[in-house]
């Protein structure tokens, strides 16, 4: 991950500093030094400390960064997260890029954790998954933030697993698609996105490793699971619920004791956690 992290931070810094750098910082006397503290302004879960480290390293390796809390830590309002010491010009130049990463990723971790906590006493089996609904170029960071919040990662990209969706089924039938995928990619998980109980049955009989109950109501998902459990001479696939799940209904889905509930909202709709940098 290190080269990708380095490149991602470099792009963010070029966006901020080209063509001639932080011209406002030159108003500060060249030799001025200071101590600054990263502070949470609200409750949440921390994520993105590696990006802060990399921003500081690229701006000024002589700055001293003392990490007080690592990713996955629960933070409360006014919690001190890290202390930064050194040249004041460098501190103010690094501030916004570091905070943008830290606030965005902590927002994802915090939102993920809300869903994790919501169902933890309902099902010990069901795991919260992310999706590929991420900001281009930031997926590896956002998926790390999901893990920091107690969630798990779905496939990271299109090469990691076979996921047969409605767009594929427009010209393929499920049996054909699963068989062809198994032949071409024997080492990959195969998942079929199912909108009806009939598709669920077909996907299971075809040998899919995972079946997704896509945009099904709780009642439809319950019926689909019961149908799966009743199948004979068929290996039971893992079950994923996705689509239409929110904070109001996730407990009802979790009561079905499925393997996974995937939510695009934990990445694409997470509000940034309010974090600031205070100069002492």
C-alpha atoms as a PDB file:
ATOM      1  CA  UNK A   1       0.000   0.000   0.000  1.00  0.00           C
ATOM      2  CA  UNK A   2       2.918   2.362   0.608  1.00  0.00           C
ATOM      3  CA  UNK A   3       3.592   3.348  -3.044  1.00  0.00           C
ATOM      4  CA  UNK A   4      -0.122   3.921  -3.636  1.00  0.00           C
ATOM      5  CA  UNK A   5      -0.409   5.993  -0.461  1.00  0.00           C
ATOM      6  CA  UNK A   6       2.631   8.030  -1.446  1.00  0.00           C
ATOM      7  CA  UNK A   7       1.250   8.712  -4.904  1.00  0.00           C
ATOM      8  CA  UNK A   8      -2.237   9.579  -3.648  1.00  0.00           C
ATOM      9  CA  UNK A   9      -0.911  12.086  -1.136  1.00  0.00           C
ATOM     10  CA  UNK A  10       1.458  13.513  -3.742  1.00  0.00           C
ATOM     11  CA  UNK A  11      -1.458  14.191  -6.096  1.00  0.00           C
ATOM     12  CA  UNK A  12      -3.386  15.912  -3.298  1.00  0.00           C
ATOM     13  CA  UNK A  13      -0.412  18.100  -2.414  1.00  0.00           C
ATOM     14  CA  UNK A  14       0.244  19.054  -6.037  1.00  0.00           C
ATOM     15  CA  UNK A  15      -3.392  20.107  -6.259  1.00  0.00           C
ATOM     16  CA  UNK A  16      -2.796  22.454  -3.320  1.00  0.00           C
ATOM     17  CA  UNK A  17       0.723  23.713  -4.010  1.00  0.00           C
ATOM     18  CA  UNK A  18       1.232  24.124  -7.757  1.00  0.00           C
ATOM     19  CA  UNK A  19       2.619  26.233  -9.254  1.00  0.00           C
ATOM     20  CA  UNK A  20       4.607  28.152  -6.580  1.00  0.00           C
ATOM     21  CA  UNK A  21       3.590  26.757  -3.207  1.00  0.00           C
ATOM     22  CA  UNK A  22       1.751  28.149  -0.188  1.00  0.00           C
ATOM     23  CA  UNK A  23       2.293  31.863  -0.768  1.00  0.00           C
ATOM     24  CA  UNK A  24       0.396  32.905   2.379  1.00  0.00           C
ATOM     25  CA  UNK A  25       2.766  30.923   4.606  1.00  0.00           C
ATOM     26  CA  UNK A  26       5.597  33.224   3.550  1.00  0.00           C
ATOM     27  CA  UNK A  27       3.993  35.916   5.685  1.00  0.00           C
ATOM     28  CA  UNK A  28       5.191  33.890   8.698  1.00  0.00           C
ATOM     29  CA  UNK A  29       8.811  34.496   9.792  1.00  0.00           C
ATOM     30  CA  UNK A  30      11.012  31.811   8.307  1.00  0.00           C
ATOM     31  CA  UNK A  31      12.346  30.461  11.588  1.00  0.00           C
ATOM     32  CA  UNK A  32       9.085  30.490  13.544  1.00  0.00           C
ATOM     33  CA  UNK A  33       8.217  27.224  15.259  1.00  0.00           C
ATOM     34  CA  UNK A  34       5.070  26.013  16.974  1.00  0.00           C
ATOM     35  CA  UNK A  35       3.222  23.088  18.508  1.00  0.00           C
ATOM     36  CA  UNK A  36      -0.145  22.108  17.035  1.00  0.00           C
ATOM     37  CA  UNK A  37      -2.717  19.496  18.011  1.00  0.00           C
ATOM     38  CA  UNK A  38      -5.176  17.571  15.824  1.00  0.00           C
ATOM     39  CA  UNK A  39      -8.454  17.699  17.775  1.00  0.00           C
ATOM     40  CA  UNK A  40     -11.801  15.947  17.223  1.00  0.00           C
ATOM     41  CA  UNK A  41     -14.730  18.379  17.340  1.00  0.00           C
ATOM     42  CA  UNK A  42     -17.331  15.604  17.610  1.00  0.00           C
ATOM     43  CA  UNK A  43     -17.705  11.961  18.600  1.00  0.00           C
ATOM     44  CA  UNK A  44     -16.769   9.267  16.111  1.00  0.00           C
ATOM     45  CA  UNK A  45     -14.236   6.667  15.033  1.00  0.00           C
ATOM     46  CA  UNK A  46     -10.776   7.598  13.802  1.00  0.00           C
ATOM     47  CA  UNK A  47      -9.341   6.586  10.424  1.00  0.00           C
ATOM     48  CA  UNK A  48      -6.671   7.954   8.094  1.00  0.00           C
ATOM     49  CA  UNK A  49      -3.662   8.451  10.355  1.00  0.00           C
ATOM     50  CA  UNK A  50      -1.358   6.943   7.727  1.00  0.00           C
ATOM     51  CA  UNK A  51      -2.357   9.739   5.351  1.00  0.00           C
ATOM     52  CA  UNK A  52      -1.452  12.334   7.990  1.00  0.00           C
ATOM     53  CA  UNK A  53       1.942  10.711   8.423  1.00  0.00           C
ATOM     54  CA  UNK A  54       2.532  10.780   4.674  1.00  0.00           C
ATOM     55  CA  UNK A  55       1.385  14.394   4.240  1.00  0.00           C
ATOM     56  CA  UNK A  56       3.782  15.502   6.975  1.00  0.00           C
ATOM     57  CA  UNK A  57       6.614  13.439   5.523  1.00  0.00           C
ATOM     58  CA  UNK A  58       6.188  14.969   2.069  1.00  0.00           C
ATOM     59  CA  UNK A  59       5.743  18.551   3.279  1.00  0.00           C
ATOM     60  CA  UNK A  60       8.606  18.606   5.773  1.00  0.00           C
ATOM     61  CA  UNK A  61      10.313  15.481   7.119  1.00  0.00           C
ATOM     62  CA  UNK A  62      11.779  17.583   9.918  1.00  0.00           C
ATOM     63  CA  UNK A  63       8.340  18.079  11.460  1.00  0.00           C
ATOM     64  CA  UNK A  64       7.784  15.891  14.513  1.00  0.00           C
ATOM     65  CA  UNK A  65       4.466  14.047  14.521  1.00  0.00           C
ATOM     66  CA  UNK A  66       3.365  12.327  17.720  1.00  0.00           C
ATOM     67  CA  UNK A  67       0.381  10.037  17.151  1.00  0.00           C
ATOM     68  CA  UNK A  68      -1.834   9.780  20.220  1.00  0.00           C
ATOM     69  CA  UNK A  69      -4.638   7.630  18.767  1.00  0.00           C
ATOM     70  CA  UNK A  70      -4.554   5.162  15.883  1.00  0.00           C
ATOM     71  CA  UNK A  71      -7.188   4.089  13.351  1.00  0.00           C
ATOM     72  CA  UNK A  72     -10.173   2.368  14.900  1.00  0.00           C
ATOM     73  CA  UNK A  73     -10.048   4.380  18.126  1.00  0.00           C
ATOM     74  CA  UNK A  74     -13.298   5.822  19.431  1.00  0.00           C
ATOM     75  CA  UNK A  75     -12.933   9.584  19.793  1.00  0.00           C
ATOM     76  CA  UNK A  76     -15.070  12.101  21.630  1.00  0.00           C
ATOM     77  CA  UNK A  77     -15.458  15.846  21.302  1.00  0.00           C
ATOM     78  CA  UNK A  78     -12.187  17.616  22.173  1.00  0.00           C
ATOM     79  CA  UNK A  79     -10.125  14.395  22.009  1.00  0.00           C
ATOM     80  CA  UNK A  80      -6.498  15.066  21.064  1.00  0.00           C
ATOM     81  CA  UNK A  81      -5.497  12.816  18.181  1.00  0.00           C
ATOM     82  CA  UNK A  82      -1.904  13.812  17.394  1.00  0.00           C
ATOM     83  CA  UNK A  83       0.640  16.523  18.168  1.00  0.00           C
ATOM     84  CA  UNK A  84       2.723  18.257  15.503  1.00  0.00           C
ATOM     85  CA  UNK A  85       5.894  20.187  16.329  1.00  0.00           C
ATOM     86  CA  UNK A  86       8.263  22.193  14.169  1.00  0.00           C
ATOM     87  CA  UNK A  87       8.421  24.896  11.539  1.00  0.00           C
ATOM     88  CA  UNK A  88       5.185  26.908  11.549  1.00  0.00           C
ATOM     89  CA  UNK A  89       5.231  27.506   7.795  1.00  0.00           C
ATOM     90  CA  UNK A  90       5.322  23.776   7.213  1.00  0.00           C
ATOM     91  CA  UNK A  91       2.580  23.144   9.757  1.00  0.00           C
ATOM     92  CA  UNK A  92       0.103  25.555   8.152  1.00  0.00           C
ATOM     93  CA  UNK A  93       0.948  24.293   4.656  1.00  0.00           C
ATOM     94  CA  UNK A  94       0.220  20.698   5.624  1.00  0.00           C
ATOM     95  CA  UNK A  95      -2.906  21.478   7.642  1.00  0.00           C
ATOM     96  CA  UNK A  96      -5.738  21.350   5.106  1.00  0.00           C
ATOM     97  CA  UNK A  97      -4.560  18.339   3.092  1.00  0.00           C
ATOM     98  CA  UNK A  98      -3.993  16.319   6.264  1.00  0.00           C
ATOM     99  CA  UNK A  99      -7.381  17.328   7.670  1.00  0.00           C
ATOM    100  CA  UNK A 100      -9.193  16.595   4.392  1.00  0.00           C
ATOM    101  CA  UNK A 101      -7.957  13.011   4.426  1.00  0.00           C
ATOM    102  CA  UNK A 102      -8.423  12.525   8.161  1.00  0.00           C
ATOM    103  CA  UNK A 103     -11.916  14.022   8.337  1.00  0.00           C
ATOM    104  CA  UNK A 104     -13.212  12.195   5.251  1.00  0.00           C
ATOM    105  CA  UNK A 105     -11.871   8.797   6.268  1.00  0.00           C
ATOM    106  CA  UNK A 106     -12.934   9.181   9.897  1.00  0.00           C
ATOM    107  CA  UNK A 107     -16.418  10.027   8.644  1.00  0.00           C
ATOM    108  CA  UNK A 108     -16.534   6.704   6.797  1.00  0.00           C
ATOM    109  CA  UNK A 109     -15.254   4.798   9.827  1.00  0.00           C
ATOM    110  CA  UNK A 110     -17.805   6.535  12.036  1.00  0.00           C
ATOM    111  CA  UNK A 111     -20.751   5.813   9.734  1.00  0.00           C
ATOM    112  CA  UNK A 112     -19.677   2.195   9.315  1.00  0.00           C
ATOM    113  CA  UNK A 113     -19.478   1.808  13.069  1.00  0.00           C
ATOM    114  CA  UNK A 114     -23.038   3.082  13.509  1.00  0.00           C
ATOM    115  CA  UNK A 115     -24.326   0.177  11.408  1.00  0.00           C
ATOM    116  CA  UNK A 116     -22.001  -2.322  13.094  1.00  0.00           C
ATOM    117  CA  UNK A 117     -23.186  -1.261  16.534  1.00  0.00           C
ATOM    118  CA  UNK A 118     -26.819  -1.268  15.422  1.00  0.00           C
ATOM    119  CA  UNK A 119     -26.833  -5.003  14.663  1.00  0.00           C
ATOM    120  CA  UNK A 120     -24.160  -6.423  16.968  1.00  0.00           C
ATOM    121  CA  UNK A 121     -26.715  -7.698  19.481  1.00  0.00           C
ATOM    122  CA  UNK A 122     -29.094  -8.914  16.772  1.00  0.00           C
ATOM    123  CA  UNK A 123     -26.845 -11.308  14.840  1.00  0.00           C
ATOM    124  CA  UNK A 124     -23.345 -12.482  15.666  1.00  0.00           C
ATOM    125  CA  UNK A 125     -23.092 -13.869  12.138  1.00  0.00           C
ATOM    126  CA  UNK A 126     -23.967 -10.927   9.901  1.00  0.00           C
ATOM    127  CA  UNK A 127     -21.083  -8.762   8.740  1.00  0.00           C
ATOM    128  CA  UNK A 128     -21.337  -5.228   7.381  1.00  0.00           C
ATOM    129  CA  UNK A 129     -19.696  -4.909   3.951  1.00  0.00           C
ATOM    130  CA  UNK A 130     -18.805  -1.932   1.793  1.00  0.00           C
ATOM    131  CA  UNK A 131     -19.235  -1.741  -2.004  1.00  0.00           C
ATOM    132  CA  UNK A 132     -17.315  -0.210  -4.903  1.00  0.00           C
ATOM    133  CA  UNK A 133     -19.261   3.046  -4.488  1.00  0.00           C
ATOM    134  CA  UNK A 134     -16.134   4.985  -3.600  1.00  0.00           C
ATOM    135  CA  UNK A 135     -14.377   8.142  -4.731  1.00  0.00           C
ATOM    136  CA  UNK A 136     -12.114   7.257  -7.698  1.00  0.00           C
ATOM    137  CA  UNK A 137      -8.516   7.032  -6.561  1.00  0.00           C
ATOM    138  CA  UNK A 138      -9.393   6.777  -2.859  1.00  0.00           C
ATOM    139  CA  UNK A 139     -10.887   3.283  -2.708  1.00  0.00           C
ATOM    140  CA  UNK A 140      -7.980   1.667  -0.863  1.00  0.00           C
ATOM    141  CA  UNK A 141      -8.146   4.371   1.801  1.00  0.00           C
ATOM    142  CA  UNK A 142     -11.926   4.275   2.089  1.00  0.00           C
ATOM    143  CA  UNK A 143     -11.970   0.497   2.421  1.00  0.00           C
ATOM    144  CA  UNK A 144      -9.326   0.742   5.151  1.00  0.00           C
ATOM    145  CA  UNK A 145     -11.606   3.251   6.894  1.00  0.00           C
ATOM    146  CA  UNK A 146     -14.488   0.750   6.694  1.00  0.00           C
ATOM    147  CA  UNK A 147     -12.292  -1.802   8.465  1.00  0.00           C
ATOM    148  CA  UNK A 148     -11.370   0.789  11.091  1.00  0.00           C
ATOM    149  CA  UNK A 149     -15.087   1.223  11.748  1.00  0.00           C
ATOM    150  CA  UNK A 150     -15.590  -2.503  12.317  1.00  0.00           C
ATOM    151  CA  UNK A 151     -16.865  -3.365   8.847  1.00  0.00           C
ATOM    152  CA  UNK A 152     -15.512  -5.709   6.198  1.00  0.00           C
ATOM    153  CA  UNK A 153     -14.567  -5.277   2.556  1.00  0.00           C
ATOM    154  CA  UNK A 154     -16.423  -6.582  -0.474  1.00  0.00           C
ATOM    155  CA  UNK A 155     -14.300  -7.093  -3.600  1.00  0.00           C
ATOM    156  CA  UNK A 156     -11.758  -4.324  -4.019  1.00  0.00           C
ATOM    157  CA  UNK A 157     -11.932  -4.230  -7.804  1.00  0.00           C
ATOM    158  CA  UNK A 158     -13.295  -6.025 -10.831  1.00  0.00           C
ATOM    159  CA  UNK A 159     -10.423  -8.539 -10.871  1.00  0.00           C
ATOM    160  CA  UNK A 160     -10.946  -9.943  -7.385  1.00  0.00           C
ATOM    161  CA  UNK A 161     -14.213 -11.812  -7.870  1.00  0.00           C
ATOM    162  CA  UNK A 162     -16.882 -12.617 -10.429  1.00  0.00           C
ATOM    163  CA  UNK A 163     -20.122 -10.744  -9.759  1.00  0.00           C
ATOM    164  CA  UNK A 164     -22.885 -11.554 -12.219  1.00  0.00           C
ATOM    165  CA  UNK A 165     -25.333  -8.647 -12.338  1.00  0.00           C
ATOM    166  CA  UNK A 166     -28.499  -7.808 -14.226  1.00  0.00           C
ATOM    167  CA  UNK A 167     -26.415  -6.219 -16.970  1.00  0.00           C
ATOM    168  CA  UNK A 168     -24.687  -9.551 -17.600  1.00  0.00           C
ATOM    169  CA  UNK A 169     -27.936 -11.484 -17.357  1.00  0.00           C
ATOM    170  CA  UNK A 170     -29.389  -9.362 -20.123  1.00  0.00           C
ATOM    171  CA  UNK A 171     -27.624 -11.713 -22.550  1.00  0.00           C
ATOM    172  CA  UNK A 172     -26.650 -14.687 -20.354  1.00  0.00           C
ATOM    173  CA  UNK A 173     -28.698 -17.067 -18.241  1.00  0.00           C
ATOM    174  CA  UNK A 174     -27.530 -17.754 -14.704  1.00  0.00           C
ATOM    175  CA  UNK A 175     -26.565 -21.395 -15.246  1.00  0.00           C
ATOM    176  CA  UNK A 176     -24.495 -20.489 -18.298  1.00  0.00           C
ATOM    177  CA  UNK A 177     -22.851 -17.504 -16.622  1.00  0.00           C
ATOM    178  CA  UNK A 178     -21.831 -19.399 -13.464  1.00  0.00           C
ATOM    179  CA  UNK A 179     -20.515 -22.376 -15.439  1.00  0.00           C
ATOM    180  CA  UNK A 180     -18.486 -20.149 -17.747  1.00  0.00           C
ATOM    181  CA  UNK A 181     -17.097 -18.145 -14.812  1.00  0.00           C
ATOM    182  CA  UNK A 182     -16.107 -21.330 -12.970  1.00  0.00           C
ATOM    183  CA  UNK A 183     -14.314 -22.584 -16.070  1.00  0.00           C
ATOM    184  CA  UNK A 184     -12.486 -19.330 -16.786  1.00  0.00           C
ATOM    185  CA  UNK A 185     -11.688 -18.264 -13.202  1.00  0.00           C
ATOM    186  CA  UNK A 186     -11.601 -21.389 -10.968  1.00  0.00           C
ATOM    187  CA  UNK A 187      -9.846 -19.526  -8.148  1.00  0.00           C
ATOM    188  CA  UNK A 188     -12.346 -16.683  -7.864  1.00  0.00           C
ATOM    189  CA  UNK A 189     -15.495 -16.365  -5.795  1.00  0.00           C
ATOM    190  CA  UNK A 190     -18.635 -16.206  -7.894  1.00  0.00           C
ATOM    191  CA  UNK A 191     -21.611 -14.129  -6.819  1.00  0.00           C
ATOM    192  CA  UNK A 192     -24.968 -13.727  -8.532  1.00  0.00           C
ATOM    193  CA  UNK A 193     -27.156 -10.678  -8.024  1.00  0.00           C
ATOM    194  CA  UNK A 194     -30.742 -11.924  -7.650  1.00  0.00           C
ATOM    195  CA  UNK A 195     -33.923  -9.879  -7.713  1.00  0.00           C
ATOM    196  CA  UNK A 196     -36.394 -12.780  -7.372  1.00  0.00           C
ATOM    197  CA  UNK A 197     -36.705 -16.016  -5.434  1.00  0.00           C
ATOM    198  CA  UNK A 198     -36.550 -17.866  -8.747  1.00  0.00           C
ATOM    199  CA  UNK A 199     -33.157 -16.345  -9.534  1.00  0.00           C
ATOM    200  CA  UNK A 200     -31.934 -17.228  -6.039  1.00  0.00           C
ATOM    201  CA  UNK A 201     -32.842 -20.870  -6.608  1.00  0.00           C
ATOM    202  CA  UNK A 202     -31.237 -20.893 -10.041  1.00  0.00           C
ATOM    203  CA  UNK A 203     -28.024 -19.302  -8.751  1.00  0.00           C
ATOM    204  CA  UNK A 204     -27.721 -21.784  -5.900  1.00  0.00           C
ATOM    205  CA  UNK A 205     -28.362 -24.781  -8.160  1.00  0.00           C
ATOM    206  CA  UNK A 206     -25.763 -23.427 -10.603  1.00  0.00           C
ATOM    207  CA  UNK A 207     -23.141 -23.469  -7.832  1.00  0.00           C
ATOM    208  CA  UNK A 208     -22.722 -19.789  -7.042  1.00  0.00           C
ATOM    209  CA  UNK A 209     -20.578 -19.169  -3.955  1.00  0.00           C
ATOM    210  CA  UNK A 210     -22.651 -16.155  -2.884  1.00  0.00           C
ATOM    211  CA  UNK A 211     -26.176 -15.098  -3.763  1.00  0.00           C
ATOM    212  CA  UNK A 212     -27.154 -11.469  -3.331  1.00  0.00           C
ATOM    213  CA  UNK A 213     -30.713 -10.620  -2.379  1.00  0.00           C
ATOM    214  CA  UNK A 214     -30.790  -7.411  -4.384  1.00  0.00           C
ATOM    215  CA  UNK A 215     -33.281  -4.705  -3.359  1.00  0.00           C
ATOM    216  CA  UNK A 216     -35.559  -7.266  -1.730  1.00  0.00           C
ATOM    217  CA  UNK A 217     -37.949  -6.317   1.048  1.00  0.00           C
ATOM    218  CA  UNK A 218     -37.414  -8.016   4.399  1.00  0.00           C
ATOM    219  CA  UNK A 219     -40.335 -10.315   3.632  1.00  0.00           C
ATOM    220  CA  UNK A 220     -38.965 -11.248   0.211  1.00  0.00           C
ATOM    221  CA  UNK A 221     -35.491 -11.831   1.642  1.00  0.00           C
ATOM    222  CA  UNK A 222     -36.962 -14.083   4.340  1.00  0.00           C
ATOM    223  CA  UNK A 223     -38.819 -16.104   1.691  1.00  0.00           C
ATOM    224  CA  UNK A 224     -35.657 -16.355  -0.438  1.00  0.00           C
ATOM    225  CA  UNK A 225     -33.611 -17.649   2.495  1.00  0.00           C
ATOM    226  CA  UNK A 226     -36.264 -20.226   3.392  1.00  0.00           C
ATOM    227  CA  UNK A 227     -36.255 -21.387  -0.233  1.00  0.00           C
ATOM    228  CA  UNK A 228     -32.480 -21.797  -0.136  1.00  0.00           C
ATOM    229  CA  UNK A 229     -32.575 -23.804   3.078  1.00  0.00           C
ATOM    230  CA  UNK A 230     -35.167 -26.137   1.570  1.00  0.00           C
ATOM    231  CA  UNK A 231     -33.115 -26.983  -1.524  1.00  0.00           C
ATOM    232  CA  UNK A 232     -31.863 -30.566  -1.841  1.00  0.00           C
ATOM    233  CA  UNK A 233     -28.632 -31.796  -3.448  1.00  0.00           C
ATOM    234  CA  UNK A 234     -27.268 -28.290  -3.449  1.00  0.00           C
ATOM    235  CA  UNK A 235     -24.395 -26.648  -1.594  1.00  0.00           C
ATOM    236  CA  UNK A 236     -25.803 -23.736   0.394  1.00  0.00           C
ATOM    237  CA  UNK A 237     -24.203 -20.490  -0.809  1.00  0.00           C
ATOM    238  CA  UNK A 238     -23.379 -17.531   1.386  1.00  0.00           C
ATOM    239  CA  UNK A 239     -26.122 -14.914   1.488  1.00  0.00           C
ATOM    240  CA  UNK A 240     -25.670 -11.179   0.999  1.00  0.00           C
ATOM    241  CA  UNK A 241     -28.425  -8.588   1.360  1.00  0.00           C
ATOM    242  CA  UNK A 242     -27.925  -5.344  -0.557  1.00  0.00           C
ATOM    243  CA  UNK A 243     -29.979  -2.402  -1.706  1.00  0.00           C
ATOM    244  CA  UNK A 244     -32.605  -0.460   0.177  1.00  0.00           C
ATOM    245  CA  UNK A 245     -30.987  -1.072   3.562  1.00  0.00           C
ATOM    246  CA  UNK A 246     -30.790   1.862   5.954  1.00  0.00           C
ATOM    247  CA  UNK A 247     -30.573   2.618   9.661  1.00  0.00           C
ATOM    248  CA  UNK A 248     -34.331   2.198  10.054  1.00  0.00           C
ATOM    249  CA  UNK A 249     -34.593  -1.327   8.642  1.00  0.00           C
ATOM    250  CA  UNK A 250     -31.162  -2.907   9.047  1.00  0.00           C
ATOM    251  CA  UNK A 251     -32.130  -4.630  12.295  1.00  0.00           C
ATOM    252  CA  UNK A 252     -34.978  -6.440  10.525  1.00  0.00           C
ATOM    253  CA  UNK A 253     -32.582  -7.642   7.821  1.00  0.00           C
ATOM    254  CA  UNK A 254     -30.035  -8.687  10.448  1.00  0.00           C
ATOM    255  CA  UNK A 255     -32.697 -10.783  12.181  1.00  0.00           C
ATOM    256  CA  UNK A 256     -32.649 -12.998   9.084  1.00  0.00           C
ATOM    257  CA  UNK A 257     -29.115 -14.010  10.164  1.00  0.00           C
ATOM    258  CA  UNK A 258     -27.657 -13.650   6.661  1.00  0.00           C
ATOM    259  CA  UNK A 259     -23.911 -13.685   6.142  1.00  0.00           C
ATOM    260  CA  UNK A 260     -23.484 -10.143   4.827  1.00  0.00           C
ATOM    261  CA  UNK A 261     -25.281  -6.839   4.501  1.00  0.00           C
ATOM    262  CA  UNK A 262     -23.566  -4.530   2.013  1.00  0.00           C
ATOM    263  CA  UNK A 263     -24.107  -0.787   2.025  1.00  0.00           C
ATOM    264  CA  UNK A 264     -22.885   1.775  -0.473  1.00  0.00           C
ATOM    265  CA  UNK A 265     -23.996   4.454   1.949  1.00  0.00           C
ATOM    266  CA  UNK A 266     -21.116   3.866   4.367  1.00  0.00           C
ATOM    267  CA  UNK A 267     -18.704   5.231   1.776  1.00  0.00           C
ATOM    268  CA  UNK A 268     -20.697   7.376  -0.623  1.00  0.00           C
ATOM    269  CA  UNK A 269     -22.914   9.119   1.923  1.00  0.00           C
ATOM    270  CA  UNK A 270     -20.689   9.478   4.964  1.00  0.00           C
ATOM    271  CA  UNK A 271     -20.333  12.986   6.364  1.00  0.00           C
ATOM    272  CA  UNK A 272     -16.801  14.062   7.249  1.00  0.00           C
ATOM    273  CA  UNK A 273     -15.972  13.929  10.937  1.00  0.00           C
ATOM    274  CA  UNK A 274     -15.260  17.440  12.221  1.00  0.00           C
ATOM    275  CA  UNK A 275     -11.546  17.533  13.063  1.00  0.00           C
ATOM    276  CA  UNK A 276      -9.388  20.629  13.449  1.00  0.00           C
ATOM    277  CA  UNK A 277      -5.766  21.607  13.972  1.00  0.00           C
ATOM    278  CA  UNK A 278      -5.172  23.935  16.918  1.00  0.00           C
ATOM    279  CA  UNK A 279      -1.961  25.956  17.117  1.00  0.00           C
ATOM    280  CA  UNK A 280      -0.846  26.062  20.748  1.00  0.00           C
END
